[in-house]
């Protein structure tokens, strides 16, 4: 139970500190990661957090390839 509370607190802290422009890819990744985490022994929150991070990484990578001067 403590680990769930810690994960939830970290997720809220990271989400609150991110701006609107930094949310690119996070929502889609969080949904996919949450479903995958739920299917893997009910770790939906952990999957959502990891999916958000991975989705954001890939969205930023794609954005930098299409906008090389920024």
PDB file of N, CA and C in Angstrom:
ATOM      1  N   UNK A   1       0.819  -1.190   0.000  1.00  0.00           N
ATOM      2  CA  UNK A   1       0.000   0.000   0.000  1.00  0.00           C
ATOM      3  C   UNK A   1       0.866   1.259   0.000  1.00  0.00           C
ATOM      4  N   UNK A   2       1.993   1.202   0.701  1.00  0.00           N
ATOM      5  CA  UNK A   2       2.880   2.362   0.734  1.00  0.00           C
ATOM      6  C   UNK A   2       3.460   2.640  -0.648  1.00  0.00           C
ATOM      7  N   UNK A   3       3.774   1.572  -1.377  1.00  0.00           N
ATOM      8  CA  UNK A   3       4.355   1.778  -2.705  1.00  0.00           C
ATOM      9  C   UNK A   3       3.336   2.399  -3.653  1.00  0.00           C
ATOM     10  N   UNK A   4       2.071   2.013  -3.541  1.00  0.00           N
ATOM     11  CA  UNK A   4       1.032   2.616  -4.372  1.00  0.00           C
ATOM     12  C   UNK A   4       0.882   4.097  -4.058  1.00  0.00           C
ATOM     13  N   UNK A   5       0.917   4.439  -2.780  1.00  0.00           N
ATOM     14  CA  UNK A   5       0.815   5.846  -2.386  1.00  0.00           C
ATOM     15  C   UNK A   5       2.019   6.641  -2.888  1.00  0.00           C
ATOM     16  N   UNK A   6       3.205   6.040  -2.830  1.00  0.00           N
ATOM     17  CA  UNK A   6       4.407   6.705  -3.317  1.00  0.00           C
ATOM     18  C   UNK A   6       4.329   6.932  -4.824  1.00  0.00           C
ATOM     19  N   UNK A   7       3.900   5.926  -5.567  1.00  0.00           N
ATOM     20  CA  UNK A   7       3.778   6.049  -7.019  1.00  0.00           C
ATOM     21  C   UNK A   7       2.744   7.115  -7.376  1.00  0.00           C
ATOM     22  N   UNK A   8       1.631   7.110  -6.669  1.00  0.00           N
ATOM     23  CA  UNK A   8       0.594   8.108  -6.922  1.00  0.00           C
ATOM     24  C   UNK A   8       1.101   9.516  -6.623  1.00  0.00           C
ATOM     25  N   UNK A   9       1.820   9.668  -5.513  1.00  0.00           N
ATOM     26  CA  UNK A   9       2.350  10.987  -5.159  1.00  0.00           C
ATOM     27  C   UNK A   9       3.373  11.470  -6.191  1.00  0.00           C
ATOM     28  N   UNK A  10       4.238  10.583  -6.643  1.00  0.00           N
ATOM     29  CA  UNK A  10       5.220  10.960  -7.662  1.00  0.00           C
ATOM     30  C   UNK A  10       4.546  11.307  -8.982  1.00  0.00           C
ATOM     31  N   UNK A  11       3.535  10.547  -9.361  1.00  0.00           N
ATOM     32  CA  UNK A  11       2.821  10.816 -10.598  1.00  0.00           C
ATOM     33  C   UNK A  11       2.132  12.178 -10.551  1.00  0.00           C
ATOM     34  N   UNK A  12       1.504  12.480  -9.427  1.00  0.00           N
ATOM     35  CA  UNK A  12       0.844  13.778  -9.274  1.00  0.00           C
ATOM     36  C   UNK A  12       1.867  14.907  -9.302  1.00  0.00           C
ATOM     37  N   UNK A  13       3.012  14.716  -8.645  1.00  0.00           N
ATOM     38  CA  UNK A  13       4.042  15.750  -8.614  1.00  0.00           C
ATOM     39  C   UNK A  13       4.611  16.012 -10.007  1.00  0.00           C
ATOM     40  N   UNK A  14       4.872  14.962 -10.744  1.00  0.00           N
ATOM     41  CA  UNK A  14       5.421  15.122 -12.095  1.00  0.00           C
ATOM     42  C   UNK A  14       4.387  15.761 -13.010  1.00  0.00           C
ATOM     43  N   UNK A  15       3.140  15.325 -12.902  1.00  0.00           N
ATOM     44  CA  UNK A  15       2.084  15.875 -13.743  1.00  0.00           C
ATOM     45  C   UNK A  15       1.848  17.347 -13.435  1.00  0.00           C
ATOM     46  N   UNK A  16       1.889  17.711 -12.170  1.00  0.00           N
ATOM     47  CA  UNK A  16       1.653  19.100 -11.786  1.00  0.00           C
ATOM     48  C   UNK A  16       2.784  20.005 -12.240  1.00  0.00           C
ATOM     49  N   UNK A  17       4.005  19.481 -12.304  1.00  0.00           N
ATOM     50  CA  UNK A  17       5.136  20.312 -12.688  1.00  0.00           C
ATOM     51  C   UNK A  17       5.290  20.449 -14.200  1.00  0.00           C
ATOM     52  N   UNK A  18       4.636  19.594 -14.966  1.00  0.00           N
ATOM     53  CA  UNK A  18       4.751  19.645 -16.427  1.00  0.00           C
ATOM     54  C   UNK A  18       3.797  20.680 -16.991  1.00  0.00           C
ATOM     55  N   UNK A  19       4.271  21.418 -17.965  1.00  0.00           N
ATOM     56  CA  UNK A  19       3.436  22.411 -18.612  1.00  0.00           C
ATOM     57  C   UNK A  19       2.591  21.780 -19.699  1.00  0.00           C
ATOM     58  N   UNK A  20       1.724  22.555 -20.304  1.00  0.00           N
ATOM     59  CA  UNK A  20       0.841  22.038 -21.343  1.00  0.00           C
ATOM     60  C   UNK A  20       1.636  21.585 -22.573  1.00  0.00           C
ATOM     61  N   UNK A  21       2.703  22.279 -22.890  1.00  0.00           N
ATOM     62  CA  UNK A  21       3.507  21.912 -24.050  1.00  0.00           C
ATOM     63  C   UNK A  21       4.275  20.621 -23.824  1.00  0.00           C
ATOM     64  N   UNK A  22       4.512  20.264 -22.576  1.00  0.00           N
ATOM     65  CA  UNK A  22       5.260  19.053 -22.272  1.00  0.00           C
ATOM     66  C   UNK A  22       4.387  17.800 -22.238  1.00  0.00           C
ATOM     67  N   UNK A  23       3.100  17.931 -22.468  1.00  0.00           N
ATOM     68  CA  UNK A  23       2.191  16.792 -22.382  1.00  0.00           C
ATOM     69  C   UNK A  23       2.134  15.984 -23.677  1.00  0.00           C
ATOM     70  N   UNK A  24       2.910  16.380 -24.668  1.00  0.00           N
ATOM     71  CA  UNK A  24       2.893  15.701 -25.956  1.00  0.00           C
ATOM     72  C   UNK A  24       3.178  14.206 -25.797  1.00  0.00           C
ATOM     73  N   UNK A  25       2.237  13.360 -26.198  1.00  0.00           N
ATOM     74  CA  UNK A  25       2.428  11.918 -26.169  1.00  0.00           C
ATOM     75  C   UNK A  25       2.125  11.270 -24.834  1.00  0.00           C
ATOM     76  N   UNK A  26       1.969  12.043 -23.784  1.00  0.00           N
ATOM     77  CA  UNK A  26       1.793  11.488 -22.454  1.00  0.00           C
ATOM     78  C   UNK A  26       0.439  10.804 -22.296  1.00  0.00           C
ATOM     79  N   UNK A  27      -0.614  11.415 -22.782  1.00  0.00           N
ATOM     80  CA  UNK A  27      -1.950  10.869 -22.584  1.00  0.00           C
ATOM     81  C   UNK A  27      -2.099   9.511 -23.270  1.00  0.00           C
ATOM     82  N   UNK A  28      -1.691   9.456 -24.538  1.00  0.00           N
ATOM     83  CA  UNK A  28      -1.794   8.197 -25.274  1.00  0.00           C
ATOM     84  C   UNK A  28      -0.927   7.118 -24.623  1.00  0.00           C
ATOM     85  N   UNK A  29       0.284   7.475 -24.240  1.00  0.00           N
ATOM     86  CA  UNK A  29       1.178   6.515 -23.588  1.00  0.00           C
ATOM     87  C   UNK A  29       0.652   6.058 -22.244  1.00  0.00           C
ATOM     88  N   UNK A  30       0.044   6.977 -21.492  1.00  0.00           N
ATOM     89  CA  UNK A  30      -0.505   6.622 -20.188  1.00  0.00           C
ATOM     90  C   UNK A  30      -1.676   5.658 -20.321  1.00  0.00           C
ATOM     91  N   UNK A  31      -2.501   5.854 -21.331  1.00  0.00           N
ATOM     92  CA  UNK A  31      -3.636   4.951 -21.539  1.00  0.00           C
ATOM     93  C   UNK A  31      -3.146   3.555 -21.897  1.00  0.00           C
ATOM     94  N   UNK A  32      -2.238   3.482 -22.851  1.00  0.00           N
ATOM     95  CA  UNK A  32      -1.713   2.182 -23.268  1.00  0.00           C
ATOM     96  C   UNK A  32      -0.947   1.516 -22.122  1.00  0.00           C
ATOM     97  N   UNK A  33      -0.103   2.291 -21.435  1.00  0.00           N
ATOM     98  CA  UNK A  33       0.658   1.739 -20.316  1.00  0.00           C
ATOM     99  C   UNK A  33      -0.217   1.324 -19.149  1.00  0.00           C
ATOM    100  N   UNK A  34      -1.276   2.077 -18.894  1.00  0.00           N
ATOM    101  CA  UNK A  34      -2.191   1.733 -17.814  1.00  0.00           C
ATOM    102  C   UNK A  34      -2.918   0.427 -18.074  1.00  0.00           C
ATOM    103  N   UNK A  35      -3.361   0.228 -19.306  1.00  0.00           N
ATOM    104  CA  UNK A  35      -4.032  -1.027 -19.664  1.00  0.00           C
ATOM    105  C   UNK A  35      -3.049  -2.183 -19.580  1.00  0.00           C
ATOM    106  N   UNK A  36      -1.854  -1.993 -20.121  1.00  0.00           N
ATOM    107  CA  UNK A  36      -0.849  -3.057 -20.070  1.00  0.00           C
ATOM    108  C   UNK A  36      -0.448  -3.364 -18.627  1.00  0.00           C
ATOM    109  N   UNK A  37      -0.294  -2.342 -17.811  1.00  0.00           N
ATOM    110  CA  UNK A  37       0.063  -2.555 -16.414  1.00  0.00           C
ATOM    111  C   UNK A  37      -1.040  -3.250 -15.642  1.00  0.00           C
ATOM    112  N   UNK A  38      -2.296  -2.936 -15.969  1.00  0.00           N
ATOM    113  CA  UNK A  38      -3.415  -3.600 -15.301  1.00  0.00           C
ATOM    114  C   UNK A  38      -3.460  -5.076 -15.653  1.00  0.00           C
ATOM    115  N   UNK A  39      -3.166  -5.387 -16.908  1.00  0.00           N
ATOM    116  CA  UNK A  39      -3.161  -6.785 -17.335  1.00  0.00           C
ATOM    117  C   UNK A  39      -1.994  -7.556 -16.723  1.00  0.00           C
ATOM    118  N   UNK A  40      -0.912  -6.868 -16.415  1.00  0.00           N
ATOM    119  CA  UNK A  40       0.261  -7.507 -15.811  1.00  0.00           C
ATOM    120  C   UNK A  40       0.184  -7.370 -14.288  1.00  0.00           C
ATOM    121  N   UNK A  41      -0.667  -8.126 -13.680  1.00  0.00           N
ATOM    122  CA  UNK A  41      -0.779  -8.217 -12.219  1.00  0.00           C
ATOM    123  C   UNK A  41      -1.252  -6.921 -11.559  1.00  0.00           C
ATOM    124  N   UNK A  42      -2.169  -6.218 -12.189  1.00  0.00           N
ATOM    125  CA  UNK A  42      -2.851  -5.060 -11.595  1.00  0.00           C
ATOM    126  C   UNK A  42      -1.900  -3.936 -11.180  1.00  0.00           C
ATOM    127  N   UNK A  43      -0.962  -3.593 -12.036  1.00  0.00           N
ATOM    128  CA  UNK A  43      -0.059  -2.468 -11.804  1.00  0.00           C
ATOM    129  C   UNK A  43      -0.383  -1.345 -12.784  1.00  0.00           C
ATOM    130  N   UNK A  44      -1.639  -0.920 -12.794  1.00  0.00           N
ATOM    131  CA  UNK A  44      -2.090   0.085 -13.745  1.00  0.00           C
ATOM    132  C   UNK A  44      -1.422   1.430 -13.569  1.00  0.00           C
ATOM    133  N   UNK A  45      -1.256   1.883 -12.318  1.00  0.00           N
ATOM    134  CA  UNK A  45      -0.629   3.183 -12.069  1.00  0.00           C
ATOM    135  C   UNK A  45       0.819   3.201 -12.523  1.00  0.00           C
ATOM    136  N   UNK A  46       1.518   2.122 -12.235  1.00  0.00           N
ATOM    137  CA  UNK A  46       2.918   2.038 -12.642  1.00  0.00           C
ATOM    138  C   UNK A  46       3.024   1.998 -14.161  1.00  0.00           C
ATOM    139  N   UNK A  47       2.149   1.245 -14.801  1.00  0.00           N
ATOM    140  CA  UNK A  47       2.137   1.189 -16.263  1.00  0.00           C
ATOM    141  C   UNK A  47       1.795   2.527 -16.885  1.00  0.00           C
ATOM    142  N   UNK A  48       0.856   3.244 -16.260  1.00  0.00           N
ATOM    143  CA  UNK A  48       0.466   4.557 -16.782  1.00  0.00           C
ATOM    144  C   UNK A  48       1.614   5.553 -16.668  1.00  0.00           C
ATOM    145  N   UNK A  49       2.326   5.524 -15.552  1.00  0.00           N
ATOM    146  CA  UNK A  49       3.456   6.435 -15.375  1.00  0.00           C
ATOM    147  C   UNK A  49       4.563   6.131 -16.380  1.00  0.00           C
ATOM    148  N   UNK A  50       4.876   4.854 -16.548  1.00  0.00           N
ATOM    149  CA  UNK A  50       5.911   4.468 -17.509  1.00  0.00           C
ATOM    150  C   UNK A  50       5.465   4.774 -18.939  1.00  0.00           C
ATOM    151  N   UNK A  51       4.202   4.509 -19.249  1.00  0.00           N
ATOM    152  CA  UNK A  51       3.676   4.790 -20.582  1.00  0.00           C
ATOM    153  C   UNK A  51       3.703   6.266 -20.906  1.00  0.00           C
ATOM    154  N   UNK A  52       3.427   7.089 -19.911  1.00  0.00           N
ATOM    155  CA  UNK A  52       3.478   8.541 -20.104  1.00  0.00           C
ATOM    156  C   UNK A  52       4.902   8.971 -20.444  1.00  0.00           C
ATOM    157  N   UNK A  53       5.857   8.472 -19.690  1.00  0.00           N
ATOM    158  CA  UNK A  53       7.257   8.841 -19.932  1.00  0.00           C
ATOM    159  C   UNK A  53       7.725   8.382 -21.314  1.00  0.00           C
ATOM    160  N   UNK A  54       7.379   7.150 -21.680  1.00  0.00           N
ATOM    161  CA  UNK A  54       7.800   6.623 -22.980  1.00  0.00           C
ATOM    162  C   UNK A  54       7.085   7.341 -24.119  1.00  0.00           C
ATOM    163  N   UNK A  55       5.788   7.576 -23.959  1.00  0.00           N
ATOM    164  CA  UNK A  55       5.029   8.293 -24.985  1.00  0.00           C
ATOM    165  C   UNK A  55       5.549   9.697 -25.194  1.00  0.00           C
ATOM    166  N   UNK A  56       5.891  10.373 -24.098  1.00  0.00           N
ATOM    167  CA  UNK A  56       6.442  11.724 -24.198  1.00  0.00           C
ATOM    168  C   UNK A  56       7.795  11.698 -24.914  1.00  0.00           C
ATOM    169  N   UNK A  57       8.612  10.707 -24.603  1.00  0.00           N
ATOM    170  CA  UNK A  57       9.932  10.586 -25.234  1.00  0.00           C
ATOM    171  C   UNK A  57       9.795  10.427 -26.750  1.00  0.00           C
ATOM    172  N   UNK A  58       8.935   9.506 -27.177  1.00  0.00           N
ATOM    173  CA  UNK A  58       8.775   9.273 -28.609  1.00  0.00           C
ATOM    174  C   UNK A  58       8.137  10.458 -29.321  1.00  0.00           C
ATOM    175  N   UNK A  59       7.188  11.139 -28.679  1.00  0.00           N
ATOM    176  CA  UNK A  59       6.561  12.307 -29.296  1.00  0.00           C
ATOM    177  C   UNK A  59       7.568  13.439 -29.457  1.00  0.00           C
ATOM    178  N   UNK A  60       8.419  13.640 -28.453  1.00  0.00           N
ATOM    179  CA  UNK A  60       9.448  14.677 -28.535  1.00  0.00           C
ATOM    180  C   UNK A  60      10.468  14.334 -29.611  1.00  0.00           C
ATOM    181  N   UNK A  61      10.838  13.076 -29.693  1.00  0.00           N
ATOM    182  CA  UNK A  61      11.784  12.623 -30.713  1.00  0.00           C
ATOM    183  C   UNK A  61      11.215  12.863 -32.115  1.00  0.00           C
ATOM    184  N   UNK A  62       9.942  12.539 -32.321  1.00  0.00           N
ATOM    185  CA  UNK A  62       9.310  12.757 -33.614  1.00  0.00           C
ATOM    186  C   UNK A  62       9.184  14.247 -33.909  1.00  0.00           C
ATOM    187  N   UNK A  63       8.861  15.045 -32.918  1.00  0.00           N
ATOM    188  CA  UNK A  63       8.736  16.498 -33.107  1.00  0.00           C
ATOM    189  C   UNK A  63      10.072  17.105 -33.525  1.00  0.00           C
ATOM    190  N   UNK A  64      11.153  16.661 -32.906  1.00  0.00           N
ATOM    191  CA  UNK A  64      12.478  17.200 -33.251  1.00  0.00           C
ATOM    192  C   UNK A  64      12.904  16.804 -34.652  1.00  0.00           C
ATOM    193  N   UNK A  65      12.459  15.640 -35.132  1.00  0.00           N
ATOM    194  CA  UNK A  65      12.795  15.231 -36.496  1.00  0.00           C
ATOM    195  C   UNK A  65      12.029  16.050 -37.529  1.00  0.00           C
ATOM    196  N   UNK A  66      10.794  16.429 -37.200  1.00  0.00           N
ATOM    197  CA  UNK A  66      10.000  17.202 -38.158  1.00  0.00           C
ATOM    198  C   UNK A  66      10.228  18.697 -38.050  1.00  0.00           C
ATOM    199  N   UNK A  67      10.791  19.161 -36.927  1.00  0.00           N
ATOM    200  CA  UNK A  67      11.098  20.579 -36.713  1.00  0.00           C
ATOM    201  C   UNK A  67      12.572  20.719 -36.312  1.00  0.00           C
ATOM    202  N   UNK A  68      13.493  20.585 -37.267  1.00  0.00           N
ATOM    203  CA  UNK A  68      14.919  20.547 -36.915  1.00  0.00           C
ATOM    204  C   UNK A  68      15.505  21.850 -36.405  1.00  0.00           C
ATOM    205  N   UNK A  69      14.876  22.968 -36.635  1.00  0.00           N
ATOM    206  CA  UNK A  69      15.475  24.255 -36.258  1.00  0.00           C
ATOM    207  C   UNK A  69      15.025  24.744 -34.906  1.00  0.00           C
ATOM    208  N   UNK A  70      14.298  23.938 -34.165  1.00  0.00           N
ATOM    209  CA  UNK A  70      13.807  24.381 -32.849  1.00  0.00           C
ATOM    210  C   UNK A  70      14.494  23.657 -31.743  1.00  0.00           C
TER     211      UNK A  70
END
